[in-house]
Amino acid sequence: MSRNRWVAFAGLVIAVVVLVAAMVGGGTLAGPNSAPTTAPPSGSLSITTAAPTSFVAAPGNPSDLPEVNASQLPKEARQTLALIAKGGPYPYDRDGANFGNFEGLLPKKSSGFYKEYTVKTPGESDRGARRIVAGKDGAKYYTVDHYDSFKFIVEGK
């Protein structure tokens, strides 16, 4: 199949998914930044779009850990957050590997719930000690000391 046909097919699949989601969701698909509009006539379908910021909404802090705003993290950590949001590609082989939470500092979850990602440390010849650990619930944690301590990352701030 040619590239143009694949693109057309993918566009059709996306359109069908959006339409079905709108129908199941009550008739309107509105993004988080969508401006309110006048109500459509009864029985019609109104679809507005907004670019998603993440597939999993950032949760509130599910732990007793201190918080850090994402904007306060070092630029390398913000770069890692951006890579996580878009699904890679990651610079290190271990990025995306299961994190076992053997230290018990993060909320207790089943095996495979957490993934770890390297935060590059300038001047280090290896991966260094900084990591972001992401849970399947969207919660992310930052450690500067190779899992001896964590802070919950408040995204969007």
Protein backbone atom coordinates (compact mmCIF):
# COMPACT_ATOMS: atom_id res chain seq x y z
CA MET A 1 0.00 0.00 0.00
CA SER A 2 1.40 3.40 -0.89
CA ARG A 3 2.26 5.99 1.74
CA ASN A 4 -0.60 8.28 0.62
CA ARG A 5 -3.11 5.47 1.05
CA TRP A 6 -1.75 4.71 4.54
CA VAL A 7 -2.09 8.37 5.51
CA ALA A 8 -5.65 8.49 4.14
CA PHE A 9 -6.52 5.25 5.95
CA ALA A 10 -5.07 6.56 9.23
CA GLY A 11 -7.06 9.80 8.84
CA LEU A 12 -10.24 7.83 8.27
CA VAL A 13 -9.62 5.66 11.34
CA ILE A 14 -9.01 8.76 13.49
CA ALA A 15 -12.19 10.40 12.18
CA VAL A 16 -14.24 7.31 13.00
CA VAL A 17 -12.75 7.08 16.50
CA VAL A 18 -13.51 10.76 17.16
CA LEU A 19 -17.06 10.35 15.89
CA VAL A 20 -17.71 7.25 18.02
CA ALA A 21 -16.17 8.93 21.07
CA ALA A 22 -18.40 11.97 20.56
CA MET A 23 -21.49 9.81 20.21
CA VAL A 24 -20.68 7.74 23.30
CA GLY A 25 -19.65 10.80 25.31
CA GLY A 26 -22.98 12.57 24.92
CA GLY A 27 -22.60 14.29 21.59
CA THR A 28 -19.84 16.81 22.21
CA LEU A 29 -16.12 16.36 22.21
CA ALA A 30 -14.52 19.44 23.74
CA GLY A 31 -10.87 19.80 24.70
CA PRO A 32 -9.72 21.33 27.98
CA ASN A 33 -9.01 24.71 26.37
CA SER A 34 -12.09 24.85 24.15
CA ALA A 35 -14.14 28.01 24.31
CA PRO A 36 -17.81 27.56 25.12
CA THR A 37 -20.06 27.68 22.08
CA THR A 38 -23.78 28.01 21.57
CA ALA A 39 -25.63 24.76 21.91
CA PRO A 40 -26.11 22.85 18.66
CA PRO A 41 -29.63 22.05 17.51
CA SER A 42 -31.16 19.05 19.25
CA GLY A 43 -29.98 15.76 17.82
CA SER A 44 -26.94 17.23 16.05
CA LEU A 45 -23.32 16.48 16.76
CA SER A 46 -20.83 19.19 17.72
CA ILE A 47 -17.13 18.38 17.71
CA THR A 48 -14.44 20.77 18.87
CA THR A 49 -10.80 19.83 19.07
CA ALA A 50 -7.83 20.77 21.17
CA ALA A 51 -4.38 19.24 21.18
CA PRO A 52 -4.06 16.79 24.08
CA THR A 53 -1.33 17.59 26.57
CA SER A 54 -1.08 14.03 27.80
CA PHE A 55 -2.90 10.74 27.40
CA VAL A 56 -3.22 10.33 31.16
CA ALA A 57 -4.38 13.32 33.15
CA ALA A 58 -1.81 14.41 35.71
CA PRO A 59 -3.17 13.35 39.09
CA GLY A 60 -2.99 15.10 42.39
CA ASN A 61 -0.23 13.97 44.71
CA PRO A 62 -1.13 10.37 45.66
CA SER A 63 1.76 10.22 48.14
CA ASP A 64 2.99 11.92 51.28
CA LEU A 65 6.10 13.04 49.40
CA PRO A 66 7.02 16.70 49.01
CA GLU A 67 6.09 18.34 45.71
CA VAL A 68 8.12 20.15 43.08
CA ASN A 69 6.66 22.12 40.18
CA ALA A 70 7.80 20.80 36.81
CA SER A 71 8.97 24.32 35.92
CA GLN A 72 11.36 24.23 38.89
CA LEU A 73 13.12 21.07 37.71
CA PRO A 74 16.48 21.30 35.93
CA LYS A 75 16.20 21.62 32.15
CA GLU A 76 17.40 18.02 31.70
CA ALA A 77 14.48 16.77 33.84
CA ARG A 78 12.02 18.90 31.84
CA GLN A 79 13.49 17.39 28.66
CA THR A 80 12.94 13.89 30.07
CA LEU A 81 9.33 14.79 30.96
CA ALA A 82 8.81 15.91 27.35
CA LEU A 83 10.23 12.61 26.04
CA ILE A 84 7.93 10.65 28.37
CA ALA A 85 4.93 12.67 27.16
CA LYS A 86 5.65 11.87 23.53
CA GLY A 87 6.70 8.26 24.16
CA GLY A 88 10.39 8.56 23.30
CA PRO A 89 12.76 7.90 21.71
CA TYR A 90 14.88 7.67 24.83
CA PRO A 91 18.65 8.13 24.95
CA TYR A 92 19.37 5.26 27.37
CA ASP A 93 18.58 1.55 27.02
CA ARG A 94 17.20 1.38 30.57
CA ASP A 95 14.70 4.21 30.00
CA GLY A 96 11.19 2.79 30.29
CA ALA A 97 12.36 -0.22 32.32
CA ASN A 98 10.25 -1.41 35.23
CA PHE A 99 10.99 0.30 38.52
CA GLY A 100 10.47 -2.07 41.45
CA ASN A 101 9.99 0.50 44.25
CA PHE A 102 12.05 -1.76 46.48
CA GLU A 103 12.85 1.23 48.69
CA GLY A 104 9.11 1.54 49.40
CA LEU A 105 9.12 5.33 49.15
CA LEU A 106 6.46 5.56 46.42
CA PRO A 107 2.85 4.45 46.90
CA LYS A 108 2.63 0.65 46.98
CA LYS A 109 1.51 -0.72 43.60
CA SER A 110 1.71 -3.99 41.72
CA SER A 111 4.81 -5.06 39.84
CA GLY A 112 5.20 -3.26 36.52
CA PHE A 113 3.21 -0.19 37.63
CA TYR A 114 6.25 2.13 37.65
CA LYS A 115 8.77 2.86 34.87
CA GLU A 116 12.06 4.70 35.28
CA TYR A 117 13.68 7.28 33.01
CA THR A 118 17.16 8.78 33.14
CA VAL A 119 17.65 12.49 33.71
CA LYS A 120 21.00 13.35 32.16
CA THR A 121 23.50 14.78 34.63
CA PRO A 122 25.99 17.19 33.04
CA GLY A 123 29.57 16.09 33.62
CA GLU A 124 28.67 12.45 34.35
CA SER A 125 30.13 9.79 32.07
CA ASP A 126 27.33 7.33 32.94
CA ARG A 127 23.60 7.69 33.62
CA GLY A 128 24.21 9.54 36.86
CA ALA A 129 21.84 9.43 39.84
CA ARG A 130 18.90 11.52 38.63
CA ARG A 131 15.71 9.77 37.48
CA ILE A 132 12.05 10.33 36.85
CA VAL A 133 9.77 7.47 37.83
CA ALA A 134 6.35 7.42 36.17
CA GLY A 135 3.32 5.45 37.31
CA LYS A 136 0.56 4.07 35.12
CA ASP A 137 -1.79 6.55 36.83
CA GLY A 138 0.17 9.46 35.34
CA ALA A 139 1.95 10.39 38.58
CA LYS A 140 5.64 11.21 38.16
CA TYR A 141 8.38 11.43 40.75
CA TYR A 142 11.84 12.98 40.63
CA THR A 143 14.93 11.71 42.46
CA VAL A 144 18.35 13.33 42.51
CA ASP A 145 19.98 10.64 44.64
CA HIS A 146 19.24 7.35 42.89
CA TYR A 147 16.02 6.50 44.75
CA ASP A 148 17.09 7.57 48.26
CA SER A 149 14.43 10.30 48.13
CA PHE A 150 11.67 11.45 45.79
CA LYS A 151 9.52 14.48 45.08
CA PHE A 152 6.13 14.34 43.40
CA ILE A 153 6.21 16.35 40.17
CA VAL A 154 3.36 18.83 39.77
CA GLU A 155 2.96 19.10 36.02
CA GLY A 156 1.63 22.23 34.37
CA LYS A 157 3.19 24.47 37.00
